[in-house]
Amino acid sequence: MNILQLHHVSIATGDLDRSARFYGRVLGLEQIPRPPFDTVGIWLESGPVQIHLIDNKGGTFRSNRSIATNDSHFALRVTDFKAALDHLKACGFREDLPDGDPLRIVIRRTNVAGYPQAYILDPDGNIVEINAAAS
């Protein structure tokens, strides 16, 4: 098998419109056309990667609302990590919020990965990592 690239990540959401606003406003993904599947959903993209939001009133499989960096998550690489942090902070994300707060952000400015990382939760409790290439 010769994998060309990661094409998309599908995310179950209990509130499709709320999640679409989050992924558009907070992460800057653009909505793209979606085929008329039997299920309800919204497709978004950033460059070659797509996020497929799937309407599922049961929501996410994660029952835990804390940010555990060893739990299931996906990562988005940004060109300017500081600008991304500034944007997230302008959207209300803060490091000093308690575990479980939906606007808590966990930031690893230096670590063994070799590049900075930030972790936030989407409205359904899915973990999203934002990272940048090492300088």
Protein backbone atom coordinates (compact mmCIF):
# COMPACT_ATOMS: atom_id res chain seq x y z
CA MET A 1 0.00 0.00 0.00
CA ASN A 2 1.34 3.41 -0.95
CA ILE A 3 -0.55 6.07 1.05
CA LEU A 4 -0.56 9.43 -0.67
CA GLN A 5 -1.80 11.55 2.27
CA LEU A 6 -4.34 11.74 5.06
CA HIS A 7 -7.57 12.73 3.31
CA HIS A 8 -10.02 13.49 6.13
CA VAL A 9 -10.96 13.01 9.75
CA SER A 10 -14.63 12.34 10.59
CA ILE A 11 -15.96 13.73 13.84
CA ALA A 12 -19.29 12.80 15.38
CA THR A 13 -21.13 15.80 16.78
CA GLY A 14 -24.27 16.16 18.84
CA ASP A 15 -24.91 19.66 17.44
CA LEU A 16 -23.84 20.05 13.82
CA ASP A 17 -24.32 23.84 13.59
CA ARG A 18 -22.43 24.48 16.85
CA SER A 19 -19.50 22.34 15.69
CA ALA A 20 -19.47 23.96 12.24
CA ARG A 21 -19.23 27.39 13.91
CA PHE A 22 -16.35 26.18 16.12
CA TYR A 23 -14.35 24.67 13.28
CA GLY A 24 -14.99 27.71 11.09
CA ARG A 25 -14.52 30.52 13.63
CA VAL A 26 -11.86 29.02 15.90
CA LEU A 27 -9.88 26.92 13.44
CA GLY A 28 -10.60 28.81 10.21
CA LEU A 29 -11.74 25.83 8.14
CA GLU A 30 -13.85 26.57 5.09
CA GLN A 31 -17.07 24.71 4.31
CA ILE A 32 -16.99 22.75 1.04
CA PRO A 33 -19.70 20.92 -0.92
CA ARG A 34 -20.76 17.53 0.46
CA PRO A 35 -22.40 14.72 -1.52
CA PRO A 36 -26.06 13.99 -0.64
CA PHE A 37 -25.40 11.07 1.73
CA ASP A 38 -28.22 9.48 3.74
CA THR A 39 -26.60 10.91 6.87
CA VAL A 40 -26.50 14.61 7.74
CA GLY A 41 -23.14 16.34 7.90
CA ILE A 42 -20.88 19.18 6.88
CA TRP A 43 -17.49 18.99 5.20
CA LEU A 44 -14.76 21.52 5.92
CA GLU A 45 -11.22 21.83 4.62
CA SER A 46 -7.87 23.43 5.18
CA GLY A 47 -5.41 22.83 2.38
CA PRO A 48 -5.40 19.15 1.42
CA VAL A 49 -6.98 17.94 4.68
CA GLN A 50 -10.72 17.75 5.29
CA ILE A 51 -12.75 17.53 8.49
CA HIS A 52 -16.09 15.76 8.07
CA LEU A 53 -18.62 16.64 10.76
CA ILE A 54 -21.23 13.92 11.10
CA ASP A 55 -24.53 14.59 12.85
CA ASN A 56 -24.84 12.07 15.67
CA LYS A 57 -27.10 13.08 18.55
CA GLY A 58 -25.12 10.64 20.71
CA GLY A 59 -22.09 12.85 20.09
CA THR A 60 -18.54 11.84 20.71
CA PHE A 61 -17.28 8.55 22.07
CA ARG A 62 -15.24 10.50 24.67
CA SER A 63 -17.01 10.74 28.01
CA ASN A 64 -14.13 12.62 29.61
CA ARG A 65 -13.98 16.43 29.19
CA SER A 66 -10.34 16.82 30.25
CA ILE A 67 -7.46 17.35 27.86
CA ALA A 68 -5.40 14.18 28.03
CA THR A 69 -2.66 14.44 25.43
CA ASN A 70 -2.42 10.63 25.32
CA ASP A 71 -6.10 10.31 24.32
CA SER A 72 -7.47 10.20 20.76
CA HIS A 73 -6.93 13.49 18.95
CA PHE A 74 -5.91 14.93 15.61
CA ALA A 75 -3.33 17.61 14.93
CA LEU A 76 -3.36 20.65 12.68
CA ARG A 77 0.02 22.19 11.79
CA VAL A 78 0.14 25.99 11.59
CA THR A 79 2.68 28.28 9.97
CA ASP A 80 2.79 30.75 12.88
CA PHE A 81 2.32 29.18 16.31
CA LYS A 82 2.34 32.50 18.20
CA ALA A 83 -0.34 33.94 15.90
CA ALA A 84 -2.41 30.77 16.38
CA LEU A 85 -2.13 31.11 20.18
CA ASP A 86 -3.09 34.79 19.97
CA HIS A 87 -6.16 33.85 17.91
CA LEU A 88 -7.18 31.08 20.33
CA LYS A 89 -6.79 33.46 23.27
CA ALA A 90 -8.94 36.03 21.44
CA CYS A 91 -11.58 33.27 21.12
CA GLY A 92 -11.51 32.90 24.91
CA PHE A 93 -9.12 29.98 25.41
CA ARG A 94 -6.92 30.31 28.53
CA GLU A 95 -4.24 28.22 30.21
CA ASP A 96 -5.38 29.11 33.74
CA LEU A 97 -8.83 27.53 33.46
CA PRO A 98 -9.50 24.31 35.39
CA ASP A 99 -9.40 20.88 33.83
CA GLY A 100 -12.74 20.16 32.15
CA ASP A 101 -13.48 23.79 31.24
CA PRO A 102 -14.36 23.90 27.52
CA LEU A 103 -12.11 26.93 26.98
CA ARG A 104 -9.02 25.48 28.66
CA ILE A 105 -5.89 25.31 26.53
CA VAL A 106 -2.84 23.19 27.33
CA ILE A 107 0.34 24.59 25.79
CA ARG A 108 3.68 22.82 25.45
CA ARG A 109 6.04 25.47 24.17
CA THR A 110 9.08 23.18 24.32
CA ASN A 111 9.03 19.41 24.61
CA VAL A 112 10.59 16.22 23.32
CA ALA A 113 8.48 16.34 20.15
CA GLY A 114 10.74 19.13 18.91
CA TYR A 115 7.93 21.54 18.08
CA PRO A 116 5.42 23.54 20.16
CA GLN A 117 1.95 22.08 20.73
CA ALA A 118 -1.36 23.41 22.03
CA TYR A 119 -4.41 21.31 22.88
CA ILE A 120 -8.04 22.44 22.99
CA LEU A 121 -11.45 20.75 23.04
CA ASP A 122 -14.11 21.08 20.38
CA PRO A 123 -17.74 21.52 21.54
CA ASP A 124 -18.23 17.73 21.75
CA GLY A 125 -15.09 17.18 23.85
CA ASN A 126 -12.83 15.97 21.02
CA ILE A 127 -9.20 16.93 21.51
CA VAL A 128 -7.61 19.09 18.80
CA GLU A 129 -3.84 19.63 18.75
CA ILE A 130 -2.38 22.71 17.09
CA ASN A 131 1.35 22.48 16.35
CA ALA A 132 4.11 24.13 14.39
CA ALA A 133 7.34 23.02 12.81
CA ALA A 134 10.43 23.47 14.97
CA SER A 135 12.15 26.79 14.37
